[in-house]
Amino acid sequence: MATKTEKAAPKAAKTTKAAAEAAPAKAAKAGAAKTAAAKPNALQQPLKPSAELGAIVGTNPLPRGEVVSKVWEYIKKHNLQNPTNKREIVADDKLKKVFGKDKCSMFEMNKHLAAHLKA
């Protein structure tokens, strides 16, 4: 009677043979993925901030993720989070121009930032 390891050995040989045949196909797909990765997606494309937002993050074009990060740096540096509800941002004069109101939740902040970014 054969043991489990003896039965598993032929299956492993079949899968490695299939993997060896599929390797050139995977390499072709990986090459296509590299060319696609070179082109920035919508979140990585640099966008020009408006003058109001530029006062906070700078006037150079930045990807959305960096804009949000810089806004959060500004918020934390100037202690603009509500101490009792950290999800709420209490806007100072610069942020009021961007948000259009005195208070904003961190979830709706991206909506306001999107209005100030142009391609």
PDB file of N, CA and C in Angstrom:
ATOM      1  N   MET A   1       0.847  -1.181   0.000  1.00  0.00           N
ATOM      2  CA  MET A   1       0.000   0.000   0.000  1.00  0.00           C
ATOM      3  C   MET A   1       0.892   1.244   0.000  1.00  0.00           C
ATOM      4  N   ALA A   2       0.530   2.238  -0.825  1.00  0.00           N
ATOM      5  CA  ALA A   2       1.355   3.443  -0.962  1.00  0.00           C
ATOM      6  C   ALA A   2       1.026   4.438   0.136  1.00  0.00           C
ATOM      7  N   THR A   3       2.032   5.196   0.532  1.00  0.00           N
ATOM      8  CA  THR A   3       1.825   6.225   1.550  1.00  0.00           C
ATOM      9  C   THR A   3       1.346   7.508   0.886  1.00  0.00           C
ATOM     10  N   LYS A   4       0.963   8.479   1.662  1.00  0.00           N
ATOM     11  CA  LYS A   4       0.463   9.744   1.131  1.00  0.00           C
ATOM     12  C   LYS A   4       1.524  10.468   0.311  1.00  0.00           C
ATOM     13  N   THR A   5       2.756  10.401   0.741  1.00  0.00           N
ATOM     14  CA  THR A   5       3.813  11.124   0.022  1.00  0.00           C
ATOM     15  C   THR A   5       4.071  10.509  -1.347  1.00  0.00           C
ATOM     16  N   GLU A   6       3.929   9.214  -1.468  1.00  0.00           N
ATOM     17  CA  GLU A   6       4.134   8.573  -2.759  1.00  0.00           C
ATOM     18  C   GLU A   6       3.020   8.964  -3.728  1.00  0.00           C
ATOM     19  N   LYS A   7       1.796   9.093  -3.242  1.00  0.00           N
ATOM     20  CA  LYS A   7       0.681   9.484  -4.097  1.00  0.00           C
ATOM     21  C   LYS A   7       0.794  10.951  -4.511  1.00  0.00           C
ATOM     22  N   ALA A   8       1.296  11.766  -3.634  1.00  0.00           N
ATOM     23  CA  ALA A   8       1.386  13.197  -3.919  1.00  0.00           C
ATOM     24  C   ALA A   8       2.486  13.507  -4.918  1.00  0.00           C
ATOM     25  N   ALA A   9       3.504  12.689  -5.012  1.00  0.00           N
ATOM     26  CA  ALA A   9       4.641  12.964  -5.890  1.00  0.00           C
ATOM     27  C   ALA A   9       4.234  13.070  -7.359  1.00  0.00           C
ATOM     28  N   PRO A  10       3.426  12.167  -7.923  1.00  0.00           N
ATOM     29  CA  PRO A  10       3.056  12.317  -9.330  1.00  0.00           C
ATOM     30  C   PRO A  10       2.255  13.595  -9.597  1.00  0.00           C
ATOM     31  N   LYS A  11       1.402  14.003  -8.686  1.00  0.00           N
ATOM     32  CA  LYS A  11       0.635  15.240  -8.860  1.00  0.00           C
ATOM     33  C   LYS A  11       1.563  16.435  -8.918  1.00  0.00           C
ATOM     34  N   ALA A  12       2.560  16.437  -8.058  1.00  0.00           N
ATOM     35  CA  ALA A  12       3.502  17.542  -8.033  1.00  0.00           C
ATOM     36  C   ALA A  12       4.255  17.624  -9.353  1.00  0.00           C
ATOM     37  N   ALA A  13       4.585  16.486  -9.935  1.00  0.00           N
ATOM     38  CA  ALA A  13       5.292  16.474 -11.208  1.00  0.00           C
ATOM     39  C   ALA A  13       4.409  17.066 -12.307  1.00  0.00           C
ATOM     40  N   LYS A  14       3.125  16.745 -12.272  1.00  0.00           N
ATOM     41  CA  LYS A  14       2.211  17.280 -13.278  1.00  0.00           C
ATOM     42  C   LYS A  14       2.067  18.792 -13.140  1.00  0.00           C
ATOM     43  N   THR A  15       1.946  19.275 -11.916  1.00  0.00           N
ATOM     44  CA  THR A  15       1.748  20.709 -11.724  1.00  0.00           C
ATOM     45  C   THR A  15       3.008  21.490 -12.080  1.00  0.00           C
ATOM     46  N   THR A  16       4.186  20.941 -11.824  1.00  0.00           N
ATOM     47  CA  THR A  16       5.398  21.665 -12.183  1.00  0.00           C
ATOM     48  C   THR A  16       5.573  21.694 -13.693  1.00  0.00           C
ATOM     49  N   LYS A  17       5.164  20.623 -14.382  1.00  0.00           N
ATOM     50  CA  LYS A  17       5.248  20.601 -15.845  1.00  0.00           C
ATOM     51  C   LYS A  17       4.285  21.641 -16.424  1.00  0.00           C
ATOM     52  N   ALA A  18       3.082  21.715 -15.877  1.00  0.00           N
ATOM     53  CA  ALA A  18       2.102  22.711 -16.340  1.00  0.00           C
ATOM     54  C   ALA A  18       2.587  24.118 -16.019  1.00  0.00           C
ATOM     55  N   ALA A  19       3.229  24.275 -14.873  1.00  0.00           N
ATOM     56  CA  ALA A  19       3.738  25.594 -14.495  1.00  0.00           C
ATOM     57  C   ALA A  19       4.872  26.002 -15.422  1.00  0.00           C
ATOM     58  N   ALA A  20       5.707  25.037 -15.821  1.00  0.00           N
ATOM     59  CA  ALA A  20       6.814  25.346 -16.727  1.00  0.00           C
ATOM     60  C   ALA A  20       6.287  25.766 -18.097  1.00  0.00           C
ATOM     61  N   GLU A  21       5.202  25.123 -18.550  1.00  0.00           N
ATOM     62  CA  GLU A  21       4.610  25.499 -19.833  1.00  0.00           C
ATOM     63  C   GLU A  21       3.934  26.861 -19.752  1.00  0.00           C
ATOM     64  N   ALA A  22       3.380  27.192 -18.602  1.00  0.00           N
ATOM     65  CA  ALA A  22       2.676  28.459 -18.431  1.00  0.00           C
ATOM     66  C   ALA A  22       3.624  29.618 -18.142  1.00  0.00           C
ATOM     67  N   ALA A  23       4.878  29.347 -17.799  1.00  0.00           N
ATOM     68  CA  ALA A  23       5.826  30.402 -17.444  1.00  0.00           C
ATOM     69  C   ALA A  23       6.009  31.433 -18.553  1.00  0.00           C
ATOM     70  N   PRO A  24       6.177  31.035 -19.835  1.00  0.00           N
ATOM     71  CA  PRO A  24       6.308  32.069 -20.869  1.00  0.00           C
ATOM     72  C   PRO A  24       5.056  32.936 -20.995  1.00  0.00           C
ATOM     73  N   ALA A  25       3.898  32.349 -20.801  1.00  0.00           N
ATOM     74  CA  ALA A  25       2.658  33.128 -20.868  1.00  0.00           C
ATOM     75  C   ALA A  25       2.597  34.127 -19.723  1.00  0.00           C
ATOM     76  N   LYS A  26       3.024  33.715 -18.535  1.00  0.00           N
ATOM     77  CA  LYS A  26       3.033  34.626 -17.383  1.00  0.00           C
ATOM     78  C   LYS A  26       4.040  35.745 -17.598  1.00  0.00           C
ATOM     79  N   ALA A  27       5.185  35.427 -18.210  1.00  0.00           N
ATOM     80  CA  ALA A  27       6.199  36.446 -18.470  1.00  0.00           C
ATOM     81  C   ALA A  27       5.658  37.491 -19.448  1.00  0.00           C
ATOM     82  N   ALA A  28       4.896  37.057 -20.431  1.00  0.00           N
ATOM     83  CA  ALA A  28       4.308  37.999 -21.394  1.00  0.00           C
ATOM     84  C   ALA A  28       3.290  38.907 -20.698  1.00  0.00           C
ATOM     85  N   LYS A  29       2.504  38.326 -19.814  1.00  0.00           N
ATOM     86  CA  LYS A  29       1.529  39.134 -19.069  1.00  0.00           C
ATOM     87  C   LYS A  29       2.239  40.112 -18.147  1.00  0.00           C
ATOM     88  N   ALA A  30       3.327  39.694 -17.515  1.00  0.00           N
ATOM     89  CA  ALA A  30       4.079  40.567 -16.619  1.00  0.00           C
ATOM     90  C   ALA A  30       4.679  41.730 -17.400  1.00  0.00           C
ATOM     91  N   GLY A  31       5.141  41.480 -18.620  1.00  0.00           N
ATOM     92  CA  GLY A  31       5.666  42.553 -19.463  1.00  0.00           C
ATOM     93  C   GLY A  31       4.593  43.560 -19.800  1.00  0.00           C
ATOM     94  N   ALA A  32       3.392  43.075 -20.071  1.00  0.00           N
ATOM     95  CA  ALA A  32       2.278  43.977 -20.367  1.00  0.00           C
ATOM     96  C   ALA A  32       1.895  44.775 -19.128  1.00  0.00           C
ATOM     97  N   ALA A  33       1.989  44.147 -17.962  1.00  0.00           N
ATOM     98  CA  ALA A  33       1.653  44.845 -16.723  1.00  0.00           C
ATOM     99  C   ALA A  33       2.660  45.946 -16.432  1.00  0.00           C
ATOM    100  N   LYS A  34       3.933  45.731 -16.779  1.00  0.00           N
ATOM    101  CA  LYS A  34       4.946  46.756 -16.536  1.00  0.00           C
ATOM    102  C   LYS A  34       4.694  47.991 -17.389  1.00  0.00           C
ATOM    103  N   THR A  35       4.256  47.797 -18.625  1.00  0.00           N
ATOM    104  CA  THR A  35       3.976  48.960 -19.468  1.00  0.00           C
ATOM    105  C   THR A  35       2.735  49.689 -18.975  1.00  0.00           C
ATOM    106  N   ALA A  36       1.782  48.947 -18.454  1.00  0.00           N
ATOM    107  CA  ALA A  36       0.581  49.586 -17.917  1.00  0.00           C
ATOM    108  C   ALA A  36       0.898  50.325 -16.620  1.00  0.00           C
ATOM    109  N   ALA A  37       1.833  49.798 -15.832  1.00  0.00           N
ATOM    110  CA  ALA A  37       2.193  50.440 -14.570  1.00  0.00           C
ATOM    111  C   ALA A  37       2.959  51.740 -14.812  1.00  0.00           C
ATOM    112  N   ALA A  38       3.599  51.857 -15.950  1.00  0.00           N
ATOM    113  CA  ALA A  38       4.350  53.072 -16.245  1.00  0.00           C
ATOM    114  C   ALA A  38       3.412  54.263 -16.461  1.00  0.00           C
ATOM    115  N   LYS A  39       2.212  54.001 -16.936  1.00  0.00           N
ATOM    116  CA  LYS A  39       1.225  55.061 -17.146  1.00  0.00           C
ATOM    117  C   LYS A  39       0.469  55.289 -15.835  1.00  0.00           C
ATOM    118  N   PRO A  40       0.461  56.512 -15.298  1.00  0.00           N
ATOM    119  CA  PRO A  40      -0.211  56.738 -14.009  1.00  0.00           C
ATOM    120  C   PRO A  40      -1.725  56.595 -14.127  1.00  0.00           C
ATOM    121  N   ASN A  41      -2.320  56.008 -13.092  1.00  0.00           N
ATOM    122  CA  ASN A  41      -3.777  55.900 -13.075  1.00  0.00           C
ATOM    123  C   ASN A  41      -4.383  57.202 -12.568  1.00  0.00           C
ATOM    124  N   ALA A  42      -5.679  57.244 -12.444  1.00  0.00           N
ATOM    125  CA  ALA A  42      -6.370  58.486 -12.083  1.00  0.00           C
ATOM    126  C   ALA A  42      -5.932  59.042 -10.725  1.00  0.00           C
ATOM    127  N   LEU A  43      -5.593  58.172  -9.790  1.00  0.00           N
ATOM    128  CA  LEU A  43      -5.185  58.642  -8.470  1.00  0.00           C
ATOM    129  C   LEU A  43      -3.746  59.127  -8.443  1.00  0.00           C
ATOM    130  N   GLN A  44      -2.952  58.720  -9.424  1.00  0.00           N
ATOM    131  CA  GLN A  44      -1.542  59.093  -9.449  1.00  0.00           C
ATOM    132  C   GLN A  44      -1.254  60.273 -10.358  1.00  0.00           C
ATOM    133  N   GLN A  45      -2.217  60.709 -11.155  1.00  0.00           N
ATOM    134  CA  GLN A  45      -1.968  61.808 -12.075  1.00  0.00           C
ATOM    135  C   GLN A  45      -1.856  63.118 -11.322  1.00  0.00           C
ATOM    136  N   PRO A  46      -0.835  63.904 -11.638  1.00  0.00           N
ATOM    137  CA  PRO A  46      -0.685  65.201 -10.980  1.00  0.00           C
ATOM    138  C   PRO A  46      -1.804  66.162 -11.384  1.00  0.00           C
ATOM    139  N   LEU A  47      -2.385  66.809 -10.405  1.00  0.00           N
ATOM    140  CA  LEU A  47      -3.465  67.773 -10.632  1.00  0.00           C
ATOM    141  C   LEU A  47      -3.047  69.132 -10.085  1.00  0.00           C
ATOM    142  N   LYS A  48      -3.491  70.178 -10.733  1.00  0.00           N
ATOM    143  CA  LYS A  48      -3.147  71.545 -10.341  1.00  0.00           C
ATOM    144  C   LYS A  48      -4.134  72.028  -9.283  1.00  0.00           C
ATOM    145  N   PRO A  49      -3.647  72.399  -8.090  1.00  0.00           N
ATOM    146  CA  PRO A  49      -4.553  72.916  -7.058  1.00  0.00           C
ATOM    147  C   PRO A  49      -4.962  74.355  -7.358  1.00  0.00           C
ATOM    148  N   SER A  50      -6.148  74.730  -6.888  1.00  0.00           N
ATOM    149  CA  SER A  50      -6.612  76.104  -7.029  1.00  0.00           C
ATOM    150  C   SER A  50      -5.758  77.012  -6.154  1.00  0.00           C
ATOM    151  N   ALA A  51      -5.954  78.310  -6.274  1.00  0.00           N
ATOM    152  CA  ALA A  51      -5.178  79.270  -5.475  1.00  0.00           C
ATOM    153  C   ALA A  51      -5.456  79.080  -3.981  1.00  0.00           C
ATOM    154  N   GLU A  52      -6.727  78.809  -3.631  1.00  0.00           N
ATOM    155  CA  GLU A  52      -7.088  78.620  -2.219  1.00  0.00           C
ATOM    156  C   GLU A  52      -6.406  77.380  -1.640  1.00  0.00           C
ATOM    157  N   LEU A  53      -6.462  76.284  -2.387  1.00  0.00           N
ATOM    158  CA  LEU A  53      -5.836  75.044  -1.930  1.00  0.00           C
ATOM    159  C   LEU A  53      -4.317  75.152  -2.027  1.00  0.00           C
ATOM    160  N   GLY A  54      -3.829  75.905  -3.002  1.00  0.00           N
ATOM    161  CA  GLY A  54      -2.392  76.109  -3.166  1.00  0.00           C
ATOM    162  C   GLY A  54      -1.761  76.799  -1.974  1.00  0.00           C
ATOM    163  N   ALA A  55      -2.527  77.587  -1.240  1.00  0.00           N
ATOM    164  CA  ALA A  55      -2.007  78.241  -0.040  1.00  0.00           C
ATOM    165  C   ALA A  55      -1.667  77.217   1.042  1.00  0.00           C
ATOM    166  N   ILE A  56      -2.252  76.031   0.958  1.00  0.00           N
ATOM    167  CA  ILE A  56      -2.021  74.987   1.956  1.00  0.00           C
ATOM    168  C   ILE A  56      -1.011  73.954   1.465  1.00  0.00           C
ATOM    169  N   VAL A  57      -1.174  73.480   0.217  1.00  0.00           N
ATOM    170  CA  VAL A  57      -0.347  72.378  -0.282  1.00  0.00           C
ATOM    171  C   VAL A  57       0.729  72.815  -1.265  1.00  0.00           C
ATOM    172  N   GLY A  58       0.738  74.061  -1.676  1.00  0.00           N
ATOM    173  CA  GLY A  58       1.684  74.527  -2.674  1.00  0.00           C
ATOM    174  C   GLY A  58       1.018  74.587  -4.048  1.00  0.00           C
ATOM    175  N   THR A  59       1.627  75.297  -4.968  1.00  0.00           N
ATOM    176  CA  THR A  59       0.988  75.519  -6.262  1.00  0.00           C
ATOM    177  C   THR A  59       1.422  74.525  -7.336  1.00  0.00           C
ATOM    178  N   ASN A  60       2.391  73.662  -7.052  1.00  0.00           N
ATOM    179  CA  ASN A  60       2.841  72.679  -8.036  1.00  0.00           C
ATOM    180  C   ASN A  60       1.811  71.563  -8.185  1.00  0.00           C
ATOM    181  N   PRO A  61       1.675  70.978  -9.388  1.00  0.00           N
ATOM    182  CA  PRO A  61       0.758  69.844  -9.573  1.00  0.00           C
ATOM    183  C   PRO A  61       1.163  68.650  -8.705  1.00  0.00           C
ATOM    184  N   LEU A  62       0.175  68.044  -8.045  1.00  0.00           N
ATOM    185  CA  LEU A  62       0.398  66.910  -7.151  1.00  0.00           C
ATOM    186  C   LEU A  62      -0.660  65.840  -7.384  1.00  0.00           C
ATOM    187  N   PRO A  63      -0.342  64.558  -7.148  1.00  0.00           N
ATOM    188  CA  PRO A  63      -1.372  63.515  -7.172  1.00  0.00           C
ATOM    189  C   PRO A  63      -2.342  63.703  -6.003  1.00  0.00           C
ATOM    190  N   ARG A  64      -3.539  63.190  -6.150  1.00  0.00           N
ATOM    191  CA  ARG A  64      -4.574  63.339  -5.113  1.00  0.00           C
ATOM    192  C   ARG A  64      -4.096  62.869  -3.748  1.00  0.00           C
ATOM    193  N   GLY A  65      -3.425  61.736  -3.714  1.00  0.00           N
ATOM    194  CA  GLY A  65      -2.967  61.183  -2.441  1.00  0.00           C
ATOM    195  C   GLY A  65      -2.028  62.125  -1.705  1.00  0.00           C
ATOM    196  N   GLU A  66      -1.141  62.770  -2.438  1.00  0.00           N
ATOM    197  CA  GLU A  66      -0.214  63.712  -1.807  1.00  0.00           C
ATOM    198  C   GLU A  66      -0.939  64.964  -1.339  1.00  0.00           C
ATOM    199  N   VAL A  67      -1.950  65.392  -2.088  1.00  0.00           N
ATOM    200  CA  VAL A  67      -2.733  66.560  -1.681  1.00  0.00           C
ATOM    201  C   VAL A  67      -3.419  66.271  -0.347  1.00  0.00           C
ATOM    202  N   VAL A  68      -4.051  65.110  -0.254  1.00  0.00           N
ATOM    203  CA  VAL A  68      -4.742  64.739   0.987  1.00  0.00           C
ATOM    204  C   VAL A  68      -3.743  64.632   2.138  1.00  0.00           C
ATOM    205  N   SER A  69      -2.589  64.044   1.881  1.00  0.00           N
ATOM    206  CA  SER A  69      -1.563  63.924   2.929  1.00  0.00           C
ATOM    207  C   SER A  69      -1.099  65.294   3.417  1.00  0.00           C
ATOM    208  N   LYS A  70      -0.876  66.210   2.484  1.00  0.00           N
ATOM    209  CA  LYS A  70      -0.421  67.549   2.877  1.00  0.00           C
ATOM    210  C   LYS A  70      -1.506  68.311   3.631  1.00  0.00           C
ATOM    211  N   VAL A  71      -2.763  68.119   3.247  1.00  0.00           N
ATOM    212  CA  VAL A  71      -3.855  68.768   3.980  1.00  0.00           C
ATOM    213  C   VAL A  71      -3.901  68.216   5.405  1.00  0.00           C
ATOM    214  N   TRP A  72      -3.727  66.895   5.565  1.00  0.00           N
ATOM    215  CA  TRP A  72      -3.720  66.311   6.906  1.00  0.00           C
ATOM    216  C   TRP A  72      -2.526  66.803   7.715  1.00  0.00           C
ATOM    217  N   GLU A  73      -1.374  66.969   7.081  1.00  0.00           N
ATOM    218  CA  GLU A  73      -0.221  67.530   7.793  1.00  0.00           C
ATOM    219  C   GLU A  73      -0.559  68.930   8.305  1.00  0.00           C
ATOM    220  N   TYR A  74      -1.201  69.723   7.458  1.00  0.00           N
ATOM    221  CA  TYR A  74      -1.596  71.089   7.829  1.00  0.00           C
ATOM    222  C   TYR A  74      -2.579  71.059   8.996  1.00  0.00           C
ATOM    223  N   ILE A  75      -3.561  70.164   8.920  1.00  0.00           N
ATOM    224  CA  ILE A  75      -4.579  70.061   9.974  1.00  0.00           C
ATOM    225  C   ILE A  75      -3.936  69.684  11.303  1.00  0.00           C
ATOM    226  N   LYS A  76      -3.049  68.710  11.276  1.00  0.00           N
ATOM    227  CA  LYS A  76      -2.420  68.266  12.525  1.00  0.00           C
ATOM    228  C   LYS A  76      -1.429  69.299  13.053  1.00  0.00           C
ATOM    229  N   LYS A  77      -0.707  69.960  12.140  1.00  0.00           N
ATOM    230  CA  LYS A  77       0.266  70.971  12.563  1.00  0.00           C
ATOM    231  C   LYS A  77      -0.423  72.141  13.258  1.00  0.00           C
ATOM    232  N   HIS A  78      -1.589  72.543  12.758  1.00  0.00           N
ATOM    233  CA  HIS A  78      -2.325  73.677  13.322  1.00  0.00           C
ATOM    234  C   HIS A  78      -3.411  73.264  14.319  1.00  0.00           C
ATOM    235  N   ASN A  79      -3.443  71.964  14.690  1.00  0.00           N
ATOM    236  CA  ASN A  79      -4.377  71.447  15.691  1.00  0.00           C
ATOM    237  C   ASN A  79      -5.821  71.823  15.351  1.00  0.00           C
ATOM    238  N   LEU A  80      -6.268  71.429  14.162  1.00  0.00           N
ATOM    239  CA  LEU A  80      -7.594  71.808  13.681  1.00  0.00           C
ATOM    240  C   LEU A  80      -8.639  70.698  13.811  1.00  0.00           C
ATOM    241  N   GLN A  81      -8.303  69.580  14.449  1.00  0.00           N
ATOM    242  CA  GLN A  81      -9.297  68.542  14.686  1.00  0.00           C
ATOM    243  C   GLN A  81     -10.063  68.870  15.959  1.00  0.00           C
ATOM    244  N   ASN A  82     -11.363  68.599  15.938  1.00  0.00           N
ATOM    245  CA  ASN A  82     -12.189  68.785  17.121  1.00  0.00           C
ATOM    246  C   ASN A  82     -11.705  67.803  18.189  1.00  0.00           C
ATOM    247  N   PRO A  83     -11.322  68.272  19.382  1.00  0.00           N
ATOM    248  CA  PRO A  83     -10.785  67.357  20.404  1.00  0.00           C
ATOM    249  C   PRO A  83     -11.783  66.304  20.874  1.00  0.00           C
ATOM    250  N   THR A  84     -13.074  66.612  20.847  1.00  0.00           N
ATOM    251  CA  THR A  84     -14.062  65.629  21.303  1.00  0.00           C
ATOM    252  C   THR A  84     -14.471  64.667  20.198  1.00  0.00           C
ATOM    253  N   ASN A  85     -14.367  65.111  18.933  1.00  0.00           N
ATOM    254  CA  ASN A  85     -14.721  64.270  17.793  1.00  0.00           C
ATOM    255  C   ASN A  85     -13.619  64.428  16.745  1.00  0.00           C
ATOM    256  N   LYS A  86     -12.652  63.532  16.751  1.00  0.00           N
ATOM    257  CA  LYS A  86     -11.469  63.646  15.886  1.00  0.00           C
ATOM    258  C   LYS A  86     -11.825  63.556  14.397  1.00  0.00           C
ATOM    259  N   ARG A  87     -13.030  63.075  14.077  1.00  0.00           N
ATOM    260  CA  ARG A  87     -13.434  62.989  12.668  1.00  0.00           C
ATOM    261  C   ARG A  87     -13.861  64.336  12.116  1.00  0.00           C
ATOM    262  N   GLU A  88     -14.022  65.308  12.986  1.00  0.00           N
ATOM    263  CA  GLU A  88     -14.468  66.629  12.566  1.00  0.00           C
ATOM    264  C   GLU A  88     -13.278  67.586  12.493  1.00  0.00           C
ATOM    265  N   ILE A  89     -13.226  68.346  11.400  1.00  0.00           N
ATOM    266  CA  ILE A  89     -12.159  69.313  11.199  1.00  0.00           C
ATOM    267  C   ILE A  89     -12.742  70.707  11.372  1.00  0.00           C
ATOM    268  N   VAL A  90     -12.145  71.482  12.254  1.00  0.00           N
ATOM    269  CA  VAL A  90     -12.559  72.863  12.483  1.00  0.00           C
ATOM    270  C   VAL A  90     -11.673  73.729  11.591  1.00  0.00           C
ATOM    271  N   ALA A  91     -12.263  74.354  10.592  1.00  0.00           N
ATOM    272  CA  ALA A  91     -11.497  75.074   9.581  1.00  0.00           C
ATOM    273  C   ALA A  91     -10.993  76.422  10.091  1.00  0.00           C
ATOM    274  N   ASP A  92      -9.744  76.739   9.744  1.00  0.00           N
ATOM    275  CA  ASP A  92      -9.227  78.078   9.975  1.00  0.00           C
ATOM    276  C   ASP A  92      -9.511  78.903   8.715  1.00  0.00           C
ATOM    277  N   ASP A  93      -8.943  80.094   8.611  1.00  0.00           N
ATOM    278  CA  ASP A  93      -9.251  80.968   7.476  1.00  0.00           C
ATOM    279  C   ASP A  93      -8.892  80.337   6.134  1.00  0.00           C
ATOM    280  N   LYS A  94      -7.746  79.674   6.046  1.00  0.00           N
ATOM    281  CA  LYS A  94      -7.323  79.054   4.782  1.00  0.00           C
ATOM    282  C   LYS A  94      -8.232  77.886   4.406  1.00  0.00           C
ATOM    283  N   LEU A  95      -8.572  77.051   5.388  1.00  0.00           N
ATOM    284  CA  LEU A  95      -9.418  75.895   5.093  1.00  0.00           C
ATOM    285  C   LEU A  95     -10.869  76.297   4.823  1.00  0.00           C
ATOM    286  N   LYS A  96     -11.327  77.400   5.408  1.00  0.00           N
ATOM    287  CA  LYS A  96     -12.691  77.870   5.132  1.00  0.00           C
ATOM    288  C   LYS A  96     -12.856  78.178   3.651  1.00  0.00           C
ATOM    289  N   LYS A  97     -11.797  78.704   3.023  1.00  0.00           N
ATOM    290  CA  LYS A  97     -11.864  79.003   1.591  1.00  0.00           C
ATOM    291  C   LYS A  97     -11.978  77.721   0.765  1.00  0.00           C
ATOM    292  N   VAL A  98     -11.378  76.656   1.247  1.00  0.00           N
ATOM    293  CA  VAL A  98     -11.429  75.377   0.532  1.00  0.00           C
ATOM    294  C   VAL A  98     -12.732  74.642   0.820  1.00  0.00           C
ATOM    295  N   PHE A  99     -13.106  74.549   2.105  1.00  0.00           N
ATOM    296  CA  PHE A  99     -14.295  73.804   2.501  1.00  0.00           C
ATOM    297  C   PHE A  99     -15.589  74.576   2.264  1.00  0.00           C
ATOM    298  N   GLY A 100     -15.533  75.886   2.363  1.00  0.00           N
ATOM    299  CA  GLY A 100     -16.740  76.691   2.205  1.00  0.00           C
ATOM    300  C   GLY A 100     -17.585  76.769   3.458  1.00  0.00           C
ATOM    301  N   LYS A 101     -17.095  76.233   4.566  1.00  0.00           N
ATOM    302  CA  LYS A 101     -17.831  76.294   5.837  1.00  0.00           C
ATOM    303  C   LYS A 101     -16.870  76.157   7.004  1.00  0.00           C
ATOM    304  N   ASP A 102     -17.391  76.347   8.227  1.00  0.00           N
ATOM    305  CA  ASP A 102     -16.544  76.355   9.420  1.00  0.00           C
ATOM    306  C   ASP A 102     -16.082  74.972   9.849  1.00  0.00           C
ATOM    307  N   LYS A 103     -16.934  73.966   9.687  1.00  0.00           N
ATOM    308  CA  LYS A 103     -16.618  72.608  10.113  1.00  0.00           C
ATOM    309  C   LYS A 103     -16.872  71.647   8.961  1.00  0.00           C
ATOM    310  N   CYS A 104     -16.106  70.555   8.967  1.00  0.00           N
ATOM    311  CA  CYS A 104     -16.225  69.568   7.895  1.00  0.00           C
ATOM    312  C   CYS A 104     -15.815  68.223   8.468  1.00  0.00           C
ATOM    313  N   SER A 105     -16.500  67.158   8.091  1.00  0.00           N
ATOM    314  CA  SER A 105     -16.060  65.837   8.543  1.00  0.00           C
ATOM    315  C   SER A 105     -14.931  65.361   7.644  1.00  0.00           C
ATOM    316  N   MET A 106     -14.107  64.484   8.166  1.00  0.00           N
ATOM    317  CA  MET A 106     -12.976  63.992   7.383  1.00  0.00           C
ATOM    318  C   MET A 106     -13.444  63.203   6.167  1.00  0.00           C
ATOM    319  N   PHE A 107     -14.662  62.706   6.191  1.00  0.00           N
ATOM    320  CA  PHE A 107     -15.186  61.928   5.074  1.00  0.00           C
ATOM    321  C   PHE A 107     -15.638  62.826   3.918  1.00  0.00           C
ATOM    322  N   GLU A 108     -16.140  63.989   4.217  1.00  0.00           N
ATOM    323  CA  GLU A 108     -16.555  64.902   3.151  1.00  0.00           C
ATOM    324  C   GLU A 108     -15.428  65.828   2.710  1.00  0.00           C
ATOM    325  N   MET A 109     -14.286  65.768   3.382  1.00  0.00           N
ATOM    326  CA  MET A 109     -13.158  66.612   3.034  1.00  0.00           C
ATOM    327  C   MET A 109     -12.705  66.367   1.593  1.00  0.00           C
ATOM    328  N   ASN A 110     -12.647  65.108   1.159  1.00  0.00           N
ATOM    329  CA  ASN A 110     -12.197  64.789  -0.196  1.00  0.00           C
ATOM    330  C   ASN A 110     -13.113  65.384  -1.253  1.00  0.00           C
ATOM    331  N   LYS A 111     -14.398  65.475  -0.955  1.00  0.00           N
ATOM    332  CA  LYS A 111     -15.337  66.087  -1.892  1.00  0.00           C
ATOM    333  C   LYS A 111     -14.979  67.554  -2.099  1.00  0.00           C
ATOM    334  N   HIS A 112     -14.657  68.243  -1.037  1.00  0.00           N
ATOM    335  CA  HIS A 112     -14.295  69.654  -1.130  1.00  0.00           C
ATOM    336  C   HIS A 112     -12.936  69.832  -1.815  1.00  0.00           C
ATOM    337  N   LEU A 113     -12.012  68.926  -1.541  1.00  0.00           N
ATOM    338  CA  LEU A 113     -10.696  69.018  -2.176  1.00  0.00           C
ATOM    339  C   LEU A 113     -10.801  68.771  -3.684  1.00  0.00           C
ATOM    340  N   ALA A 114     -11.657  67.853  -4.096  1.00  0.00           N
ATOM    341  CA  ALA A 114     -11.813  67.537  -5.514  1.00  0.00           C
ATOM    342  C   ALA A 114     -12.286  68.762  -6.304  1.00  0.00           C
ATOM    343  N   ALA A 115     -13.079  69.602  -5.668  1.00  0.00           N
ATOM    344  CA  ALA A 115     -13.569  70.816  -6.352  1.00  0.00           C
ATOM    345  C   ALA A 115     -12.440  71.804  -6.603  1.00  0.00           C
ATOM    346  N   HIS A 116     -11.336  71.670  -5.902  1.00  0.00           N
ATOM    347  CA  HIS A 116     -10.212  72.600  -6.029  1.00  0.00           C
ATOM    348  C   HIS A 116      -9.022  72.007  -6.797  1.00  0.00           C
ATOM    349  N   LEU A 117      -9.217  70.826  -7.414  1.00  0.00           N
ATOM    350  CA  LEU A 117      -8.155  70.195  -8.205  1.00  0.00           C
ATOM    351  C   LEU A 117      -8.575  70.111  -9.664  1.00  0.00           C
ATOM    352  N   LYS A 118      -7.677  70.505 -10.552  1.00  0.00           N
ATOM    353  CA  LYS A 118      -7.954  70.456 -11.995  1.00  0.00           C
ATOM    354  C   LYS A 118      -6.812  69.753 -12.711  1.00  0.00           C
ATOM    355  N   ALA A 119      -7.155  69.057 -13.780  1.00  0.00           N
ATOM    356  CA  ALA A 119      -6.149  68.325 -14.569  1.00  0.00           C
ATOM    357  C   ALA A 119      -5.224  69.227 -15.328  1.00  0.00           C
TER     358      ALA A 119
END
